[in-house]
Amino acid sequence: MAYRFMLLLAFLFVVTTSLAHGSFIINETTIAQVVIPGRAFCSINGNPVNSNTPGLAGVNVQLVCNGATTLTQVLTDSQGFFRIVLNTLDGILFDPSKCVIRIRLPIASCSVLAPTSGNLQSVITLAGVVQSVLGAVANFTSGLFVLVPN
């Protein structure tokens, strides 16, 4: 009985230690950074309508996980581009299957978007992993935005 209890304690220690360090691993490679570039547009749904669709400038873009936890946020540039960089070696727990890119509505600078409360959300997809001087970097892409009411 004591042997089983010791095994259970050892298992819980290993699991707790792994979660506390916040490692993000892909194919046995510990990821040092996560990079998510994208662009938000001033259109009905935040996606490009044509090549002349203007970008959403100065808009707060968030990386949200588990439905509510904001891991980081950035502002779009004058053309609507954003680049989220997350250092996962700082102990941040990151599970891309539970994370989305989120832009909160309304946005005063874009009269085409619905002037209601809600969010534009986009899923993220792994594009590849590259080695850098910092370690392995996981590059993601953001998909099309979807209007999600509050």
C-alpha atoms as a PDB file:
ATOM      1  CA  MET A   1       0.000   0.000   0.000  1.00  0.00           C
ATOM      2  CA  ALA A   2       2.783   2.440   0.886  1.00  0.00           C
ATOM      3  CA  TYR A   3       4.485   1.592  -2.426  1.00  0.00           C
ATOM      4  CA  ARG A   4       1.367   2.639  -4.400  1.00  0.00           C
ATOM      5  CA  PHE A   5       1.082   5.824  -2.390  1.00  0.00           C
ATOM      6  CA  MET A   6       4.738   6.692  -3.118  1.00  0.00           C
ATOM      7  CA  LEU A   7       4.190   6.021  -6.859  1.00  0.00           C
ATOM      8  CA  LEU A   8       1.142   8.280  -6.823  1.00  0.00           C
ATOM      9  CA  LEU A   9       3.104  11.060  -5.091  1.00  0.00           C
ATOM     10  CA  ALA A  10       5.971  10.703  -7.566  1.00  0.00           C
ATOM     11  CA  PHE A  11       3.529  10.883 -10.506  1.00  0.00           C
ATOM     12  CA  LEU A  12       1.829  13.984  -9.098  1.00  0.00           C
ATOM     13  CA  PHE A  13       5.214  15.659  -8.549  1.00  0.00           C
ATOM     14  CA  VAL A  14       6.265  15.035 -12.172  1.00  0.00           C
ATOM     15  CA  VAL A  15       2.944  16.288 -13.571  1.00  0.00           C
ATOM     16  CA  THR A  16       2.921  19.360 -11.322  1.00  0.00           C
ATOM     17  CA  THR A  17       6.549  20.182 -12.162  1.00  0.00           C
ATOM     18  CA  SER A  18       5.882  19.884 -15.908  1.00  0.00           C
ATOM     19  CA  LEU A  19       2.843  22.158 -15.710  1.00  0.00           C
ATOM     20  CA  ALA A  20       4.602  24.697 -13.512  1.00  0.00           C
ATOM     21  CA  HIS A  21       7.397  25.144 -16.017  1.00  0.00           C
ATOM     22  CA  GLY A  22       4.897  25.807 -18.797  1.00  0.00           C
ATOM     23  CA  SER A  23       6.820  23.953 -21.486  1.00  0.00           C
ATOM     24  CA  PHE A  24       5.284  23.920 -24.946  1.00  0.00           C
ATOM     25  CA  ILE A  25       6.570  20.919 -26.887  1.00  0.00           C
ATOM     26  CA  ILE A  26       6.057  19.959 -30.547  1.00  0.00           C
ATOM     27  CA  ASN A  27       7.500  16.657 -31.796  1.00  0.00           C
ATOM     28  CA  GLU A  28       9.799  16.404 -28.753  1.00  0.00           C
ATOM     29  CA  THR A  29      11.147  19.946 -29.346  1.00  0.00           C
ATOM     30  CA  THR A  30      10.716  22.477 -26.552  1.00  0.00           C
ATOM     31  CA  ILE A  31       9.423  25.693 -28.087  1.00  0.00           C
ATOM     32  CA  ALA A  32      11.051  28.900 -26.829  1.00  0.00           C
ATOM     33  CA  GLN A  33       8.814  31.362 -28.698  1.00  0.00           C
ATOM     34  CA  VAL A  34       5.444  31.445 -30.398  1.00  0.00           C
ATOM     35  CA  VAL A  35       4.978  33.950 -33.255  1.00  0.00           C
ATOM     36  CA  ILE A  36       1.537  34.777 -34.684  1.00  0.00           C
ATOM     37  CA  PRO A  37       1.370  37.396 -37.445  1.00  0.00           C
ATOM     38  CA  GLY A  38      -1.874  38.549 -39.005  1.00  0.00           C
ATOM     39  CA  ARG A  39      -3.942  41.404 -40.343  1.00  0.00           C
ATOM     40  CA  ALA A  40      -7.347  42.768 -39.436  1.00  0.00           C
ATOM     41  CA  PHE A  41      -9.467  44.610 -41.980  1.00  0.00           C
ATOM     42  CA  CYS A  42     -12.198  47.233 -41.793  1.00  0.00           C
ATOM     43  CA  SER A  43     -14.973  45.121 -43.319  1.00  0.00           C
ATOM     44  CA  ILE A  44     -18.233  43.560 -42.192  1.00  0.00           C
ATOM     45  CA  ASN A  45     -16.403  40.607 -40.595  1.00  0.00           C
ATOM     46  CA  GLY A  46     -12.776  41.776 -40.243  1.00  0.00           C
ATOM     47  CA  ASN A  47     -11.608  39.885 -43.346  1.00  0.00           C
ATOM     48  CA  PRO A  48     -10.511  41.324 -46.714  1.00  0.00           C
ATOM     49  CA  VAL A  49     -13.296  41.913 -49.234  1.00  0.00           C
ATOM     50  CA  ASN A  50     -10.936  42.831 -52.066  1.00  0.00           C
ATOM     51  CA  SER A  51      -7.408  44.182 -52.539  1.00  0.00           C
ATOM     52  CA  ASN A  52      -8.583  47.698 -51.585  1.00  0.00           C
ATOM     53  CA  THR A  53     -10.001  46.753 -48.161  1.00  0.00           C
ATOM     54  CA  PRO A  54      -8.306  49.008 -45.586  1.00  0.00           C
ATOM     55  CA  GLY A  55      -6.609  47.543 -42.529  1.00  0.00           C
ATOM     56  CA  LEU A  56      -7.796  48.302 -39.001  1.00  0.00           C
ATOM     57  CA  ALA A  57      -5.158  50.655 -37.576  1.00  0.00           C
ATOM     58  CA  GLY A  58      -4.415  50.979 -33.856  1.00  0.00           C
ATOM     59  CA  VAL A  59      -6.713  48.157 -32.777  1.00  0.00           C
ATOM     60  CA  ASN A  60      -5.999  46.017 -29.702  1.00  0.00           C
ATOM     61  CA  VAL A  61      -5.446  42.367 -30.707  1.00  0.00           C
ATOM     62  CA  GLN A  62      -5.381  39.749 -27.944  1.00  0.00           C
ATOM     63  CA  LEU A  63      -4.179  36.163 -27.714  1.00  0.00           C
ATOM     64  CA  VAL A  64      -6.881  34.567 -25.548  1.00  0.00           C
ATOM     65  CA  CYS A  65      -6.770  31.004 -24.249  1.00  0.00           C
ATOM     66  CA  ASN A  66      -9.308  28.835 -22.444  1.00  0.00           C
ATOM     67  CA  GLY A  67     -12.063  31.295 -23.318  1.00  0.00           C
ATOM     68  CA  ALA A  68     -10.967  34.080 -20.994  1.00  0.00           C
ATOM     69  CA  THR A  69      -7.242  34.227 -20.206  1.00  0.00           C
ATOM     70  CA  THR A  70      -5.439  36.948 -22.183  1.00  0.00           C
ATOM     71  CA  LEU A  71      -1.824  35.796 -22.567  1.00  0.00           C
ATOM     72  CA  THR A  72      -0.672  38.903 -24.413  1.00  0.00           C
ATOM     73  CA  GLN A  73      -1.951  41.784 -26.530  1.00  0.00           C
ATOM     74  CA  VAL A  74      -0.598  44.051 -29.251  1.00  0.00           C
ATOM     75  CA  LEU A  75      -1.814  46.972 -31.373  1.00  0.00           C
ATOM     76  CA  THR A  76      -2.200  46.787 -35.139  1.00  0.00           C
ATOM     77  CA  ASP A  77      -0.005  49.097 -37.221  1.00  0.00           C
ATOM     78  CA  SER A  78      -1.277  51.729 -39.679  1.00  0.00           C
ATOM     79  CA  GLN A  79      -2.080  49.018 -42.254  1.00  0.00           C
ATOM     80  CA  GLY A  80      -3.827  46.662 -39.799  1.00  0.00           C
ATOM     81  CA  PHE A  81      -0.917  44.221 -39.417  1.00  0.00           C
ATOM     82  CA  PHE A  82      -0.091  42.666 -36.033  1.00  0.00           C
ATOM     83  CA  ARG A  83       2.613  40.327 -34.767  1.00  0.00           C
ATOM     84  CA  ILE A  84       2.170  38.520 -31.483  1.00  0.00           C
ATOM     85  CA  VAL A  85       5.332  37.114 -29.897  1.00  0.00           C
ATOM     86  CA  LEU A  86       5.024  34.929 -26.821  1.00  0.00           C
ATOM     87  CA  ASN A  87       8.060  33.699 -24.880  1.00  0.00           C
ATOM     88  CA  THR A  88       6.952  30.275 -23.607  1.00  0.00           C
ATOM     89  CA  LEU A  89      10.138  29.740 -21.578  1.00  0.00           C
ATOM     90  CA  ASP A  90       8.854  32.342 -19.087  1.00  0.00           C
ATOM     91  CA  GLY A  91       6.511  29.698 -17.677  1.00  0.00           C
ATOM     92  CA  ILE A  92       3.457  30.662 -19.728  1.00  0.00           C
ATOM     93  CA  LEU A  93       1.158  27.698 -20.328  1.00  0.00           C
ATOM     94  CA  PHE A  94       0.215  27.651 -24.015  1.00  0.00           C
ATOM     95  CA  ASP A  95      -2.088  25.178 -25.741  1.00  0.00           C
ATOM     96  CA  PRO A  96      -2.798  26.370 -29.310  1.00  0.00           C
ATOM     97  CA  SER A  97      -5.910  24.190 -29.558  1.00  0.00           C
ATOM     98  CA  LYS A  98      -7.498  26.323 -26.819  1.00  0.00           C
ATOM     99  CA  CYS A  99      -6.370  29.740 -28.055  1.00  0.00           C
ATOM    100  CA  VAL A 100      -7.802  32.334 -30.449  1.00  0.00           C
ATOM    101  CA  ILE A 101      -6.920  35.785 -31.709  1.00  0.00           C
ATOM    102  CA  ARG A 102      -9.558  38.237 -30.414  1.00  0.00           C
ATOM    103  CA  ILE A 103     -10.502  41.810 -31.312  1.00  0.00           C
ATOM    104  CA  ARG A 104     -13.167  43.383 -29.122  1.00  0.00           C
ATOM    105  CA  LEU A 105     -15.997  45.352 -30.727  1.00  0.00           C
ATOM    106  CA  PRO A 106     -17.124  48.040 -31.301  1.00  0.00           C
ATOM    107  CA  ILE A 107     -14.294  49.760 -33.170  1.00  0.00           C
ATOM    108  CA  ALA A 108     -14.882  53.488 -33.614  1.00  0.00           C
ATOM    109  CA  SER A 109     -12.537  53.800 -36.621  1.00  0.00           C
ATOM    110  CA  CYS A 110     -14.506  51.256 -38.698  1.00  0.00           C
ATOM    111  CA  SER A 111     -18.134  52.150 -39.337  1.00  0.00           C
ATOM    112  CA  VAL A 112     -18.646  49.036 -41.507  1.00  0.00           C
ATOM    113  CA  LEU A 113     -18.289  46.663 -38.556  1.00  0.00           C
ATOM    114  CA  ALA A 114     -21.417  46.087 -36.521  1.00  0.00           C
ATOM    115  CA  PRO A 115     -21.555  48.770 -33.782  1.00  0.00           C
ATOM    116  CA  THR A 116     -22.561  46.160 -31.202  1.00  0.00           C
ATOM    117  CA  SER A 117     -20.594  44.500 -28.485  1.00  0.00           C
ATOM    118  CA  GLY A 118     -18.943  41.231 -29.331  1.00  0.00           C
ATOM    119  CA  ASN A 119     -15.649  39.993 -30.687  1.00  0.00           C
ATOM    120  CA  LEU A 120     -13.919  39.166 -33.913  1.00  0.00           C
ATOM    121  CA  GLN A 121     -12.161  35.855 -33.347  1.00  0.00           C
ATOM    122  CA  SER A 122      -9.712  33.816 -35.404  1.00  0.00           C
ATOM    123  CA  VAL A 123      -8.277  30.368 -34.765  1.00  0.00           C
ATOM    124  CA  ILE A 124      -4.531  29.840 -35.041  1.00  0.00           C
ATOM    125  CA  THR A 125      -2.776  27.083 -36.988  1.00  0.00           C
ATOM    126  CA  LEU A 126       0.801  25.871 -36.747  1.00  0.00           C
ATOM    127  CA  ALA A 127       2.714  26.822 -39.910  1.00  0.00           C
ATOM    128  CA  GLY A 128       6.111  25.448 -38.905  1.00  0.00           C
ATOM    129  CA  VAL A 129       8.956  25.320 -36.412  1.00  0.00           C
ATOM    130  CA  VAL A 130      12.367  26.908 -37.028  1.00  0.00           C
ATOM    131  CA  GLN A 131      15.543  27.083 -34.958  1.00  0.00           C
ATOM    132  CA  SER A 132      16.851  30.494 -33.915  1.00  0.00           C
ATOM    133  CA  VAL A 133      19.502  31.768 -31.522  1.00  0.00           C
ATOM    134  CA  LEU A 134      16.764  31.770 -28.848  1.00  0.00           C
ATOM    135  CA  GLY A 135      15.816  28.143 -29.497  1.00  0.00           C
ATOM    136  CA  ALA A 136      12.905  26.648 -31.401  1.00  0.00           C
ATOM    137  CA  VAL A 137      10.295  29.130 -32.658  1.00  0.00           C
ATOM    138  CA  ALA A 138       6.782  27.950 -33.536  1.00  0.00           C
ATOM    139  CA  ASN A 139       5.247  30.063 -36.303  1.00  0.00           C
ATOM    140  CA  PHE A 140       1.463  30.156 -36.466  1.00  0.00           C
ATOM    141  CA  THR A 141      -0.989  31.701 -38.903  1.00  0.00           C
ATOM    142  CA  SER A 142      -4.274  33.307 -37.960  1.00  0.00           C
ATOM    143  CA  GLY A 143      -7.308  32.329 -39.977  1.00  0.00           C
ATOM    144  CA  LEU A 144     -10.342  34.303 -41.062  1.00  0.00           C
ATOM    145  CA  PHE A 145     -12.129  36.290 -38.362  1.00  0.00           C
ATOM    146  CA  VAL A 146     -15.604  35.283 -37.238  1.00  0.00           C
ATOM    147  CA  LEU A 147     -18.035  37.630 -35.480  1.00  0.00           C
ATOM    148  CA  VAL A 148     -18.851  36.189 -32.040  1.00  0.00           C
ATOM    149  CA  PRO A 149     -21.563  37.986 -30.065  1.00  0.00           C
ATOM    150  CA  ASN A 150     -21.143  38.450 -26.293  1.00  0.00           C
END
